Amino acid sequence: MRNAALWLDRKFGLEEHTIAHYAWLIVAIAGIVQMVGAAIRMAFGVLIDPLVEAFGWTPGSIGLAYALMSIITALASPLAGYLGNRYGARKTMTVGTILFFTGMMWTSQTKEIWELYVAYGIVLGISQALLLVPVVPAVAAWFRRHLGLGTGIMMVSWSLGPALVVQTLAVLFATVGWSQAFMVVGTVGTVVLLIILLFFRNTPEEAGRSAYGTKSSDNPLVTSGNVYVKTQKEFQRFVYKTNAFWNLINIHFLGCVGHAVILVGIIPLGISKGLGPLTAAGVLTTVSIVSMATRFLAPVLSEKISAKAVMFIAFFGQGVGVLLLFTADSTLDFYIFAVVWAIPYGGEGTVFPVLIRKYYGYTPMGTTYGWQLLGAGLGMALGGVIPGMVFDITGGYSWAIGLSGAFSLAGAVSIILLENTHKQLIPNWPEMEEQPGNPAPIKQQIETSPVSGD
C-alpha cells in the first residue's frame, strides 16, 4: 500500500502533499469516528414520527431528548478535550465507543419517555463528547502545515455520515422497525470504531514519525513529558485571557442554534406539508451530500485567504437561506432549499480548528476546542427543542424558521468582532530545541508576548 502511494506521489509530482504520510490514515480514522459520532445526532429527526406513532408522545417531549443530549455533550466537552490532551485521544475515544454501544442498545429497548432521556440524552450525550471532541485536536497534532487541507478532508465525514445513516435508518424503520434499526446501527458502529482505533496514534512522536508539512529546518514540537504538561497548563491560562476564546464559544452557540432548528425540524416540517417519510428524509440526506463540498473547501480557503471572511459568508448564507422554507409547499421546493441552504451550512462549523491554529499557534487545542463545543452543544440543545415546542404551541413551524435565521445572522455579526488573524494572540508553542536567536525560556516568552493581535 505504501509503495503504491509513493508511486502515485512520483507520478503526479506530489512532493509537498504526499499521500504516503501516516497523517492521512489518522484523518481517515478521524473521519469514520466523526461519521459514527455525528450521524446519530443528525438523524434524530427520523426518529420523531415513529416514536409519536409507537408511544403517543408529543414532538416537543421527544425533542427534549435531543436537547438533553446536546446539553450533556456540551457540558462534557471541555472535560473530554482535557482528557484527550492529558491521556490521549485514543483512550478517550475507546471509552466513548463503549458508551456509544450502551446508549444505542438501551435506546432500542426504550419503553418509557424517561428511558429515552437517559439512554439517548445522557449516555449517548457523554459518548458523543468523548468521540467527537478529542479527535479534531488529535488530527491537528499531525499537521505542522496544511491543517486546512486535513481538516477539510476530515470534515467531509460530518456530511457523509448523516447522508448514509439518515437513509439507512429511514429504510430500517420502514422494514424492521425503529428498535431493531438502533440495534443494527449500534452494533455495526461499535465494531467499526473498535477496529479502527487499533491503528490510531495520538501524535507523530508516538508513531515515530514527523507531522505532515514538517520541513527539514523545523525542530520537533514538545508533545509529551513533564515539560509538555506544565507548558500546556501555562499556555491554556493565557488562552483564557483572550477575547477570541470567549467569542468563538458564542459564535459556535449561535451557529448551532441556527442549523439545529433545521436539522431536527426539516423532516417533520416536510411531512406536515405532505411529503412522505422517505421523501422528507431525502431532503436531509440532500443537505448532507451537498454540504460535503463546502465542508472541504471552507477550511482550505480559510487557510489560504481570510478565515473570518469564509466563516462570515457561511453564517450569513445559512441565516438568509432558511427564508426559502417560508414558501416551501412541494417536494421540489424542499429539495431546492436543501441544495441552496446546504452550501453555506457546510462551511459554518469547519473553520474553527484553523482559527484556533491562527490565533494560538501549535498550542494543544483539545481544551480550547472542547470549550467551543460547549457553546456548540448548548446551541444544538436550544435549536433542537425549538421546532417541537413551536409546533406544540402554534401548530406550525414558521416561528422556528424565523428563529433559525435570526440566530445565524447574529453569529455573522459576532464574527465581525473577532480579532485579526494575521498575528498570533499568544507566543509559539515551544520546540524540542530552542531556535538560535530565541533563547528565552518558555515562561518568559509567554509573559513578554502581546495579549492580542492587530
Protein backbone atom coordinates (compact mmCIF):
# COMPACT_ATOMS: atom_id res chain seq x y z
CA MET A 1 0.00 0.00 0.00
CA ARG A 2 2.75 2.44 0.96
CA ASN A 3 4.75 1.60 -2.19
CA ALA A 4 1.67 2.29 -4.31
CA ALA A 5 1.19 5.65 -2.57
CA LEU A 6 4.84 6.57 -3.13
CA TRP A 7 4.49 5.65 -6.82
CA LEU A 8 1.48 7.98 -7.11
CA ASP A 9 3.47 10.74 -5.40
CA ARG A 10 6.21 10.44 -8.00
CA LYS A 11 3.73 10.05 -10.88
CA PHE A 12 1.79 13.22 -10.12
CA GLY A 13 4.59 15.30 -8.60
CA LEU A 14 3.09 15.44 -5.11
CA GLU A 15 6.35 16.34 -3.39
CA GLU A 16 4.69 18.65 -0.87
CA HIS A 17 1.38 16.82 -0.44
CA THR A 18 2.50 13.21 -0.27
CA ILE A 19 -0.35 10.69 0.07
CA ALA A 20 2.01 8.17 1.68
CA HIS A 21 2.11 10.02 5.01
CA TYR A 22 0.62 8.33 8.10
CA ALA A 23 -1.29 11.55 8.81
CA TRP A 24 -3.80 10.62 6.12
CA LEU A 25 -4.57 7.35 7.90
CA ILE A 26 -5.23 9.41 11.04
CA VAL A 27 -7.53 11.69 9.01
CA ALA A 28 -9.38 8.65 7.63
CA ILE A 29 -9.83 7.18 11.12
CA ALA A 30 -10.98 10.55 12.45
CA GLY A 31 -13.45 10.80 9.58
CA ILE A 32 -15.02 7.46 10.44
CA VAL A 33 -15.24 8.45 14.11
CA GLN A 34 -16.94 11.68 13.05
CA MET A 35 -19.34 9.75 10.83
CA VAL A 36 -20.46 7.47 13.63
CA GLY A 37 -20.49 10.13 16.34
CA ALA A 38 -22.27 12.85 14.39
CA ALA A 39 -24.70 10.71 12.40
CA ILE A 40 -26.93 9.66 15.29
CA ARG A 41 -27.41 13.28 16.38
CA MET A 42 -28.03 14.44 12.82
CA ALA A 43 -30.52 11.63 12.20
CA PHE A 44 -32.70 12.42 15.21
CA GLY A 45 -35.39 13.93 13.00
CA VAL A 46 -36.05 10.48 11.52
CA LEU A 47 -36.87 9.15 14.98
CA ILE A 48 -39.57 11.68 15.94
CA ASP A 49 -42.58 10.43 13.99
CA PRO A 50 -42.01 6.69 14.70
CA LEU A 51 -41.91 7.42 18.44
CA VAL A 52 -45.04 9.57 18.22
CA GLU A 53 -46.80 6.69 16.45
CA ALA A 54 -45.45 3.96 18.76
CA PHE A 55 -45.97 5.64 22.14
CA GLY A 56 -48.16 8.68 21.57
CA TRP A 57 -45.53 11.08 22.89
CA THR A 58 -45.65 14.67 21.59
CA PRO A 59 -42.93 16.01 19.23
CA GLY A 60 -42.00 18.52 21.93
CA SER A 61 -41.44 15.86 24.61
CA ILE A 62 -39.38 13.76 22.20
CA GLY A 63 -37.35 16.81 21.19
CA LEU A 64 -36.33 17.21 24.83
CA ALA A 65 -34.23 14.04 24.45
CA TYR A 66 -32.29 15.73 21.67
CA ALA A 67 -31.93 18.87 23.76
CA LEU A 68 -30.74 16.86 26.76
CA MET A 69 -28.21 15.00 24.61
CA SER A 70 -26.86 18.28 23.29
CA ILE A 71 -26.64 19.79 26.79
CA ILE A 72 -24.84 16.73 28.19
CA THR A 73 -22.47 16.72 25.23
CA ALA A 74 -21.84 20.42 25.76
CA LEU A 75 -21.13 20.10 29.48
CA ALA A 76 -18.86 17.10 28.92
CA SER A 77 -16.94 18.67 26.02
CA PRO A 78 -14.36 20.73 27.99
CA LEU A 79 -13.61 17.66 30.12
CA ALA A 80 -13.38 15.47 27.00
CA GLY A 81 -10.93 17.95 25.47
CA TYR A 82 -8.81 17.93 28.62
CA LEU A 83 -8.85 14.11 28.80
CA GLY A 84 -7.77 13.93 25.17
CA ASN A 85 -4.86 16.29 25.86
CA ARG A 86 -3.86 14.60 29.10
CA TYR A 87 -4.37 10.90 28.42
CA GLY A 88 -4.57 10.74 24.65
CA ALA A 89 -7.42 10.79 22.17
CA ARG A 90 -7.25 7.04 21.62
CA LYS A 91 -8.08 6.09 25.21
CA THR A 92 -10.73 8.78 25.46
CA MET A 93 -12.45 7.64 22.26
CA THR A 94 -12.34 4.00 23.37
CA VAL A 95 -14.38 4.89 26.46
CA GLY A 96 -16.72 6.86 24.19
CA THR A 97 -17.16 3.78 21.99
CA ILE A 98 -18.23 1.64 24.95
CA LEU A 99 -20.78 4.27 25.98
CA PHE A 100 -21.96 4.51 22.36
CA PHE A 101 -22.83 0.81 22.32
CA THR A 102 -24.53 1.04 25.72
CA GLY A 103 -26.61 4.04 24.71
CA MET A 104 -27.68 2.60 21.37
CA MET A 105 -28.76 -0.71 22.86
CA TRP A 106 -30.65 0.97 25.69
CA THR A 107 -32.36 3.39 23.30
CA SER A 108 -33.51 0.47 21.16
CA GLN A 109 -35.31 -1.05 24.17
CA THR A 110 -36.90 2.19 25.37
CA LYS A 111 -40.49 1.85 26.61
CA GLU A 112 -40.86 4.97 28.76
CA ILE A 113 -40.00 8.57 27.94
CA TRP A 114 -37.56 8.80 30.86
CA GLU A 115 -35.56 5.91 29.37
CA LEU A 116 -35.21 7.86 26.13
CA TYR A 117 -33.91 10.82 28.12
CA VAL A 118 -31.34 8.70 29.99
CA ALA A 119 -30.21 6.41 27.15
CA TYR A 120 -30.26 8.84 24.25
CA GLY A 121 -29.87 12.07 26.18
CA ILE A 122 -27.29 11.26 28.85
CA VAL A 123 -25.39 8.11 27.81
CA LEU A 124 -25.12 8.97 24.11
CA GLY A 125 -24.52 12.60 25.05
CA ILE A 126 -21.40 11.71 27.03
CA SER A 127 -20.35 9.25 24.34
CA GLN A 128 -20.59 11.90 21.65
CA ALA A 129 -18.35 14.28 23.62
CA LEU A 130 -15.71 11.59 24.18
CA LEU A 131 -15.76 10.64 20.49
CA LEU A 132 -16.03 13.99 18.73
CA VAL A 133 -14.05 16.41 20.91
CA PRO A 134 -10.59 14.74 21.16
CA VAL A 135 -10.42 13.60 17.55
CA VAL A 136 -10.15 17.06 15.91
CA PRO A 137 -7.24 18.27 18.10
CA ALA A 138 -5.57 14.89 17.56
CA VAL A 139 -5.71 15.40 13.81
CA ALA A 140 -4.33 18.93 14.25
CA ALA A 141 -1.32 17.49 16.07
CA TRP A 142 -0.45 15.53 12.92
CA PHE A 143 -0.21 18.68 10.74
CA ARG A 144 2.70 21.09 11.08
CA ARG A 145 1.34 22.82 7.97
CA HIS A 146 -1.70 22.43 5.68
CA LEU A 147 -4.10 21.92 8.58
CA GLY A 148 -6.92 23.35 6.44
CA LEU A 149 -6.49 20.53 3.93
CA GLY A 150 -6.51 17.85 6.62
CA THR A 151 -9.47 19.43 8.40
CA GLY A 152 -11.42 19.76 5.16
CA ILE A 153 -11.00 16.10 4.26
CA MET A 154 -11.93 15.02 7.78
CA MET A 155 -14.97 17.30 7.96
CA VAL A 156 -16.47 15.77 4.82
CA SER A 157 -17.42 12.87 7.09
CA TRP A 158 -19.78 15.18 9.03
CA SER A 159 -21.92 15.19 5.89
CA LEU A 160 -21.21 11.72 4.58
CA GLY A 161 -22.11 10.04 7.88
CA PRO A 162 -25.58 11.57 8.22
CA ALA A 163 -26.21 11.11 4.49
CA LEU A 164 -25.68 7.38 4.92
CA VAL A 165 -27.23 6.92 8.33
CA VAL A 166 -30.36 9.03 7.75
CA GLN A 167 -31.36 6.99 4.73
CA THR A 168 -30.29 3.72 6.37
CA LEU A 169 -32.38 4.45 9.45
CA ALA A 170 -35.34 5.54 7.32
CA VAL A 171 -35.23 2.26 5.39
CA LEU A 172 -34.68 0.18 8.54
CA PHE A 173 -37.51 1.98 10.33
CA ALA A 174 -39.83 1.09 7.44
CA THR A 175 -38.72 -2.55 7.26
CA VAL A 176 -37.69 -3.84 10.69
CA GLY A 177 -38.87 -1.02 12.96
CA TRP A 178 -37.07 1.71 14.89
CA SER A 179 -35.93 -0.56 17.75
CA GLN A 180 -34.15 -3.09 15.52
CA ALA A 181 -32.73 -0.24 13.47
CA PHE A 182 -30.96 1.21 16.50
CA MET A 183 -29.62 -2.22 17.45
CA VAL A 184 -28.16 -2.77 13.97
CA VAL A 185 -26.57 0.67 13.70
CA GLY A 186 -25.26 0.47 17.28
CA THR A 187 -23.65 -2.92 16.79
CA VAL A 188 -22.07 -2.18 13.41
CA GLY A 189 -20.86 1.24 14.54
CA THR A 190 -19.24 -0.16 17.68
CA VAL A 191 -17.39 -2.91 15.81
CA VAL A 192 -16.09 -0.43 13.25
CA LEU A 193 -14.89 2.02 15.94
CA LEU A 194 -13.06 -0.66 17.93
CA ILE A 195 -11.24 -1.91 14.83
CA ILE A 196 -10.07 1.45 13.51
CA LEU A 197 -8.91 2.67 16.92
CA LEU A 198 -6.34 -0.13 16.91
CA PHE A 199 -4.48 1.84 14.22
CA PHE A 200 -4.89 5.29 15.78
CA ARG A 201 -1.85 7.13 17.18
CA ASN A 202 -2.23 10.28 19.27
CA THR A 203 0.83 12.15 18.00
CA PRO A 204 3.51 11.73 15.31
CA GLU A 205 6.05 11.25 18.13
CA GLU A 206 4.08 8.28 19.44
CA ALA A 207 4.21 6.71 15.98
CA GLY A 208 7.89 7.53 15.49
CA ARG A 209 7.12 9.93 12.63
CA SER A 210 7.09 13.65 11.86
CA ALA A 211 3.97 15.76 11.41
CA TYR A 212 2.67 16.40 7.91
CA GLY A 213 4.17 19.50 6.35
CA THR A 214 7.32 19.41 8.52
CA LYS A 215 10.36 20.92 6.81
CA SER A 216 13.94 19.83 7.33
CA SER A 217 14.68 23.14 9.08
CA ASP A 218 11.88 22.65 11.66
CA ASN A 219 12.64 21.50 15.17
CA PRO A 220 10.19 18.92 16.59
CA LEU A 221 7.46 20.28 18.85
CA VAL A 222 7.10 19.32 22.50
CA THR A 223 4.31 16.74 22.59
CA SER A 224 4.96 14.67 25.72
CA GLY A 225 6.68 14.55 29.10
CA ASN A 226 6.60 16.85 32.11
CA VAL A 227 7.55 19.90 30.05
CA TYR A 228 4.53 19.27 27.83
CA VAL A 229 2.07 19.01 30.73
CA LYS A 230 3.41 22.07 32.55
CA THR A 231 3.66 24.23 29.41
CA GLN A 232 0.20 23.15 28.27
CA LYS A 233 -1.31 24.49 31.50
CA GLU A 234 0.62 27.76 31.20
CA PHE A 235 -0.48 28.31 27.63
CA GLN A 236 -4.11 27.44 28.38
CA ARG A 237 -4.26 30.06 31.13
CA PHE A 238 -3.08 32.59 28.57
CA VAL A 239 -5.70 31.44 26.06
CA TYR A 240 -8.47 32.12 28.60
CA LYS A 241 -7.42 35.80 28.70
CA THR A 242 -8.06 36.44 25.01
CA ASN A 243 -11.35 37.81 23.68
CA ALA A 244 -11.32 35.38 20.75
CA PHE A 245 -11.58 32.39 23.10
CA TRP A 246 -14.92 33.58 24.52
CA ASN A 247 -16.29 34.98 21.28
CA LEU A 248 -15.67 31.72 19.41
CA ILE A 249 -17.72 29.87 22.03
CA ASN A 250 -20.53 32.37 21.45
CA ILE A 251 -20.25 32.09 17.67
CA HIS A 252 -20.40 28.31 17.81
CA PHE A 253 -23.51 28.57 20.02
CA LEU A 254 -25.34 30.93 17.65
CA GLY A 255 -24.49 28.94 14.54
CA CYS A 256 -25.56 25.65 16.07
CA VAL A 257 -28.92 27.04 17.20
CA GLY A 258 -29.47 28.22 13.63
CA HIS A 259 -28.80 24.91 11.91
CA ALA A 260 -30.10 22.59 14.65
CA VAL A 261 -33.61 24.00 14.14
CA ILE A 262 -33.43 22.91 10.51
CA LEU A 263 -31.72 19.56 11.02
CA VAL A 264 -34.25 18.47 13.63
CA GLY A 265 -37.32 20.15 12.17
CA ILE A 266 -36.96 19.68 8.40
CA ILE A 267 -38.37 16.13 8.32
CA PRO A 268 -41.45 16.84 10.49
CA LEU A 269 -41.94 20.09 8.56
CA GLY A 270 -41.78 18.24 5.24
CA ILE A 271 -44.22 15.60 6.44
CA SER A 272 -46.62 18.33 7.60
CA LYS A 273 -46.51 19.74 4.05
CA GLY A 274 -47.47 16.39 2.50
CA LEU A 275 -44.08 14.77 1.88
CA GLY A 276 -43.75 11.05 2.64
CA PRO A 277 -41.33 9.94 5.40
CA LEU A 278 -38.69 8.65 2.96
CA THR A 279 -39.02 11.73 0.76
CA ALA A 280 -38.66 14.01 3.78
CA ALA A 281 -35.63 12.03 4.95
CA GLY A 282 -34.22 12.51 1.46
CA VAL A 283 -34.29 16.28 1.99
CA LEU A 284 -31.98 15.90 4.99
CA THR A 285 -29.82 13.47 3.03
CA THR A 286 -29.53 16.05 0.25
CA VAL A 287 -28.40 18.65 2.76
CA SER A 288 -25.72 16.25 3.98
CA ILE A 289 -24.47 15.37 0.49
CA VAL A 290 -24.38 18.92 -0.89
CA SER A 291 -22.68 20.29 2.24
CA MET A 292 -19.75 17.90 1.71
CA ALA A 293 -18.22 20.27 -0.85
CA THR A 294 -18.14 23.31 1.42
CA ARG A 295 -17.10 21.25 4.45
CA PHE A 296 -13.95 20.50 2.48
CA LEU A 297 -13.47 23.90 0.82
CA ALA A 298 -14.14 26.18 3.81
CA PRO A 299 -11.10 25.20 5.96
CA VAL A 300 -8.86 25.04 2.89
CA LEU A 301 -9.91 28.54 1.78
CA SER A 302 -9.71 29.88 5.34
CA GLU A 303 -6.04 28.90 5.46
CA LYS A 304 -5.32 30.46 2.08
CA ILE A 305 -7.29 33.70 2.39
CA SER A 306 -9.29 35.03 5.36
CA ALA A 307 -10.75 32.64 7.92
CA LYS A 308 -13.05 35.37 9.23
CA ALA A 309 -14.41 36.13 5.76
CA VAL A 310 -15.08 32.49 4.98
CA MET A 311 -16.89 31.97 8.27
CA PHE A 312 -18.92 35.19 7.89
CA ILE A 313 -20.15 34.19 4.43
CA ALA A 314 -21.17 30.77 5.75
CA PHE A 315 -23.13 32.18 8.71
CA PHE A 316 -24.78 34.89 6.61
CA GLY A 317 -25.77 32.43 3.90
CA GLN A 318 -27.14 29.99 6.44
CA GLY A 319 -29.29 32.71 8.01
CA VAL A 320 -30.67 34.04 4.72
CA GLY A 321 -31.15 30.60 3.15
CA VAL A 322 -33.81 29.49 5.64
CA LEU A 323 -36.18 32.11 4.20
CA LEU A 324 -36.91 29.67 1.37
CA LEU A 325 -38.80 27.47 3.82
CA PHE A 326 -41.49 30.11 4.38
CA THR A 327 -42.88 29.42 0.90
CA ALA A 328 -41.92 25.74 0.53
CA ASP A 329 -45.03 23.63 -0.23
CA SER A 330 -43.89 20.97 -2.68
CA THR A 331 -41.22 18.31 -2.89
CA LEU A 332 -39.32 20.42 -5.42
CA ASP A 333 -39.38 23.44 -3.08
CA PHE A 334 -37.89 21.42 -0.24
CA TYR A 335 -35.13 19.96 -2.40
CA ILE A 336 -34.25 23.40 -3.81
CA PHE A 337 -33.98 24.63 -0.23
CA ALA A 338 -31.79 21.63 0.68
CA VAL A 339 -29.29 22.48 -2.08
CA VAL A 340 -29.22 26.25 -1.50
CA TRP A 341 -29.03 26.11 2.30
CA ALA A 342 -26.53 23.24 2.44
CA ILE A 343 -23.81 25.25 0.68
CA PRO A 344 -23.28 27.83 3.46
CA TYR A 345 -24.24 25.34 6.17
CA GLY A 346 -21.36 23.07 5.18
CA GLY A 347 -18.81 25.80 5.84
CA GLU A 348 -20.36 27.08 9.07
CA GLY A 349 -18.55 24.88 11.59
CA THR A 350 -15.45 23.60 9.83
CA VAL A 351 -13.23 26.68 10.10
CA PHE A 352 -12.86 26.61 13.89
CA PRO A 353 -9.73 24.36 14.04
CA VAL A 354 -7.98 26.63 11.52
CA LEU A 355 -8.94 29.73 13.51
CA ILE A 356 -7.56 28.16 16.70
CA ARG A 357 -4.26 27.45 14.93
CA LYS A 358 -4.09 31.01 13.58
CA TYR A 359 -4.82 32.57 16.97
CA TYR A 360 -2.88 30.21 19.26
CA GLY A 361 -0.27 28.53 17.08
CA TYR A 362 0.69 24.94 17.91
CA THR A 363 -0.78 25.05 21.42
CA PRO A 364 -2.61 21.73 22.06
CA MET A 365 -6.17 22.69 21.17
CA GLY A 366 -8.10 19.96 22.99
CA THR A 367 -9.27 22.11 25.91
CA THR A 368 -9.90 25.17 23.74
CA TYR A 369 -11.87 23.17 21.19
CA GLY A 370 -13.76 21.43 23.98
CA TRP A 371 -14.93 24.77 25.36
CA GLN A 372 -16.06 25.80 21.87
CA LEU A 373 -18.10 22.61 21.63
CA LEU A 374 -19.66 23.54 24.96
CA GLY A 375 -21.16 26.50 23.12
CA ALA A 376 -22.00 24.30 20.14
CA GLY A 377 -23.74 21.71 22.31
CA LEU A 378 -25.83 24.29 24.12
CA GLY A 379 -26.75 25.74 20.74
CA MET A 380 -27.75 22.32 19.41
CA ALA A 381 -29.83 21.78 22.55
CA LEU A 382 -31.75 25.02 22.15
CA GLY A 383 -32.09 24.65 18.40
CA GLY A 384 -33.16 21.03 18.71
CA VAL A 385 -36.00 21.74 21.10
CA ILE A 386 -37.33 24.82 19.26
CA PRO A 387 -39.19 23.03 16.40
CA GLY A 388 -41.16 20.69 18.68
CA MET A 389 -42.02 23.38 21.20
CA VAL A 390 -43.06 25.84 18.49
CA PHE A 391 -45.26 23.18 16.89
CA ASP A 392 -46.85 22.27 20.24
CA ILE A 393 -47.67 25.95 20.87
CA THR A 394 -48.57 27.25 17.40
CA GLY A 395 -49.39 24.12 15.39
CA GLY A 396 -46.77 25.02 12.78
CA TYR A 397 -43.07 25.71 12.20
CA SER A 398 -42.99 29.30 10.87
CA TRP A 399 -41.67 30.83 14.09
CA ALA A 400 -38.97 28.13 14.28
CA ILE A 401 -37.78 29.01 10.78
CA GLY A 402 -37.57 32.70 11.71
CA LEU A 403 -35.61 31.98 14.86
CA SER A 404 -33.17 29.82 12.89
CA GLY A 405 -32.37 32.70 10.57
CA ALA A 406 -32.07 35.22 13.40
CA PHE A 407 -29.53 33.17 15.35
CA SER A 408 -27.37 32.53 12.28
CA LEU A 409 -27.30 36.22 11.37
CA ALA A 410 -26.41 37.13 14.97
CA GLY A 411 -23.45 34.76 14.62
CA ALA A 412 -22.37 36.56 11.45
CA VAL A 413 -22.31 39.86 13.37
CA SER A 414 -20.21 38.27 16.15
CA ILE A 415 -17.65 37.07 13.59
CA ILE A 416 -17.01 40.67 12.56
CA LEU A 417 -15.94 41.39 16.15
CA LEU A 418 -13.22 38.72 16.14
CA GLU A 419 -9.58 39.81 16.27
CA ASN A 420 -7.44 39.98 13.16
CA THR A 421 -5.99 36.56 12.31
CA HIS A 422 -2.72 37.87 10.82
CA LYS A 423 -0.98 37.80 14.19
CA GLN A 424 -1.00 35.11 16.87
CA LEU A 425 -2.58 36.05 20.18
CA ILE A 426 -0.06 34.03 22.21
CA PRO A 427 3.57 33.02 21.54
CA ASN A 428 4.57 29.95 19.59
CA TRP A 429 4.36 26.55 21.22
CA PRO A 430 7.91 25.51 22.25
CA GLU A 431 10.10 23.22 20.20
CA MET A 432 12.32 20.41 21.42
CA GLU A 433 15.42 22.50 20.75
CA GLU A 434 15.41 26.29 21.05
CA GLN A 435 16.00 28.11 17.79
CA PRO A 436 19.09 30.36 17.58
CA GLY A 437 18.26 33.95 18.40
CA ASN A 438 15.25 32.94 20.53
CA PRO A 439 16.84 31.57 23.72
CA ALA A 440 14.24 32.90 26.17
CA PRO A 441 12.71 30.27 28.45
CA ILE A 442 9.14 29.19 27.72
CA LYS A 443 7.65 31.06 30.67
CA GLN A 444 9.50 34.28 29.78
CA GLN A 445 8.27 34.05 26.17
CA ILE A 446 4.69 33.81 27.44
CA GLU A 447 4.99 36.70 29.87
CA THR A 448 6.53 39.07 27.31
CA SER A 449 4.22 38.20 24.42
CA PRO A 450 1.38 40.55 23.35
CA VAL A 451 -2.10 39.59 24.51
CA SER A 452 -3.99 40.35 21.31
CA GLY A 453 -3.49 40.72 17.59
CA ASP A 454 -3.86 43.71 15.33
